[in-house]
Amino acid sequence: MILNLSLRNPSKRKDLSSLHILAADDNRLNQQVLRLLFEQRGHSIHVVENGKLAVDAFKASATTSAPVA
């Protein structure tokens, strides 16, 4: 699981009040942690089990112009 957002120091980030996040992780516990972290902060998150599913979900969202989550 890799998080590249500064969740600890919100003063250093731009307005991220409502993100649509796509995450890939094959570990169920990590998936639950990701959902908890981001949903508690008001973001929507779609978690898939691997990179191929993440690419497929991203491509599908790009063709519909809708967020992945």
C-alpha atoms as a PDB file:
ATOM      1  CA  MET A   1       0.000   0.000   0.000  1.00  0.00           C
ATOM      2  CA  ILE A   2       1.458   3.349  -1.050  1.00  0.00           C
ATOM      3  CA  LEU A   3      -0.079   6.652  -0.034  1.00  0.00           C
ATOM      4  CA  ASN A   4       1.344   9.730  -1.688  1.00  0.00           C
ATOM      5  CA  LEU A   5      -0.951  12.273  -0.057  1.00  0.00           C
ATOM      6  CA  SER A   6       0.027  14.174   3.018  1.00  0.00           C
ATOM      7  CA  LEU A   7      -2.805  13.140   5.311  1.00  0.00           C
ATOM      8  CA  ARG A   8      -0.912  14.167   8.425  1.00  0.00           C
ATOM      9  CA  ASN A   9      -0.317  17.778   7.477  1.00  0.00           C
ATOM     10  CA  PRO A  10      -3.351  19.224   5.682  1.00  0.00           C
ATOM     11  CA  SER A  11      -1.875  22.731   5.658  1.00  0.00           C
ATOM     12  CA  LYS A  12       0.660  21.650   3.004  1.00  0.00           C
ATOM     13  CA  ARG A  13      -1.903  20.373   0.510  1.00  0.00           C
ATOM     14  CA  LYS A  14      -4.243  22.158  -1.845  1.00  0.00           C
ATOM     15  CA  ASP A  15      -8.012  21.849  -1.567  1.00  0.00           C
ATOM     16  CA  LEU A  16      -8.584  18.099  -1.533  1.00  0.00           C
ATOM     17  CA  SER A  17     -12.008  18.226   0.044  1.00  0.00           C
ATOM     18  CA  SER A  18     -13.585  15.687  -2.290  1.00  0.00           C
ATOM     19  CA  LEU A  19     -11.266  13.271  -4.063  1.00  0.00           C
ATOM     20  CA  HIS A  20     -12.244  10.277  -6.185  1.00  0.00           C
ATOM     21  CA  ILE A  21      -9.576   7.675  -5.452  1.00  0.00           C
ATOM     22  CA  LEU A  22      -8.718   4.440  -7.215  1.00  0.00           C
ATOM     23  CA  ALA A  23      -6.493   2.095  -5.214  1.00  0.00           C
ATOM     24  CA  ALA A  24      -5.094  -1.363  -5.896  1.00  0.00           C
ATOM     25  CA  ASP A  25      -4.064  -3.684  -3.098  1.00  0.00           C
ATOM     26  CA  ASP A  26      -4.328  -7.458  -2.858  1.00  0.00           C
ATOM     27  CA  ASN A  27      -4.397  -7.463   0.941  1.00  0.00           C
ATOM     28  CA  ARG A  28      -7.941  -7.294   2.371  1.00  0.00           C
ATOM     29  CA  LEU A  29      -6.809  -5.591   5.571  1.00  0.00           C
ATOM     30  CA  ASN A  30      -4.995  -2.883   3.617  1.00  0.00           C
ATOM     31  CA  GLN A  31      -8.114  -2.395   1.496  1.00  0.00           C
ATOM     32  CA  GLN A  32     -10.184  -1.836   4.638  1.00  0.00           C
ATOM     33  CA  VAL A  33      -7.605   0.600   6.020  1.00  0.00           C
ATOM     34  CA  LEU A  34      -7.618   2.570   2.756  1.00  0.00           C
ATOM     35  CA  ARG A  35     -11.410   2.772   2.751  1.00  0.00           C
ATOM     36  CA  LEU A  36     -11.485   3.870   6.389  1.00  0.00           C
ATOM     37  CA  LEU A  37      -8.781   6.535   5.972  1.00  0.00           C
ATOM     38  CA  PHE A  38     -10.273   8.151   2.901  1.00  0.00           C
ATOM     39  CA  GLU A  39     -13.993   7.781   3.593  1.00  0.00           C
ATOM     40  CA  GLN A  40     -13.558   9.348   7.045  1.00  0.00           C
ATOM     41  CA  ARG A  41     -12.063  12.365   5.295  1.00  0.00           C
ATOM     42  CA  GLY A  42     -15.016  12.660   2.911  1.00  0.00           C
ATOM     43  CA  HIS A  43     -13.432  11.114  -0.175  1.00  0.00           C
ATOM     44  CA  SER A  44     -14.866   8.390  -2.383  1.00  0.00           C
ATOM     45  CA  ILE A  45     -12.625   5.391  -2.989  1.00  0.00           C
ATOM     46  CA  HIS A  46     -12.787   2.379  -5.261  1.00  0.00           C
ATOM     47  CA  VAL A  47     -10.436  -0.441  -4.223  1.00  0.00           C
ATOM     48  CA  VAL A  48      -9.498  -3.291  -6.559  1.00  0.00           C
ATOM     49  CA  GLU A  49      -7.312  -6.331  -5.979  1.00  0.00           C
ATOM     50  CA  ASN A  50      -4.557  -5.752  -8.544  1.00  0.00           C
ATOM     51  CA  GLY A  51      -3.023  -3.373 -11.046  1.00  0.00           C
ATOM     52  CA  LYS A  52      -4.787  -4.877 -14.061  1.00  0.00           C
ATOM     53  CA  LEU A  53      -8.186  -4.290 -12.453  1.00  0.00           C
ATOM     54  CA  ALA A  54      -7.107  -0.744 -11.578  1.00  0.00           C
ATOM     55  CA  VAL A  55      -6.149  -0.043 -15.201  1.00  0.00           C
ATOM     56  CA  ASP A  56      -9.444  -1.535 -16.398  1.00  0.00           C
ATOM     57  CA  ALA A  57     -11.421   0.581 -13.918  1.00  0.00           C
ATOM     58  CA  PHE A  58      -9.507   3.702 -14.905  1.00  0.00           C
ATOM     59  CA  LYS A  59     -10.078   3.096 -18.615  1.00  0.00           C
ATOM     60  CA  ALA A  60     -13.775   2.462 -18.008  1.00  0.00           C
ATOM     61  CA  SER A  61     -14.117   5.703 -16.074  1.00  0.00           C
ATOM     62  CA  ALA A  62     -12.278   7.643 -18.797  1.00  0.00           C
ATOM     63  CA  THR A  63     -14.715   6.497 -21.479  1.00  0.00           C
ATOM     64  CA  THR A  64     -17.757   7.506 -19.405  1.00  0.00           C
ATOM     65  CA  SER A  65     -16.255  10.742 -18.031  1.00  0.00           C
ATOM     66  CA  ALA A  66     -17.335   9.602 -14.583  1.00  0.00           C
ATOM     67  CA  PRO A  67     -15.217   9.107 -11.481  1.00  0.00           C
ATOM     68  CA  VAL A  68     -14.010   5.573 -10.833  1.00  0.00           C
ATOM     69  CA  ALA A  69     -15.520   5.356  -7.369  1.00  0.00           C
END
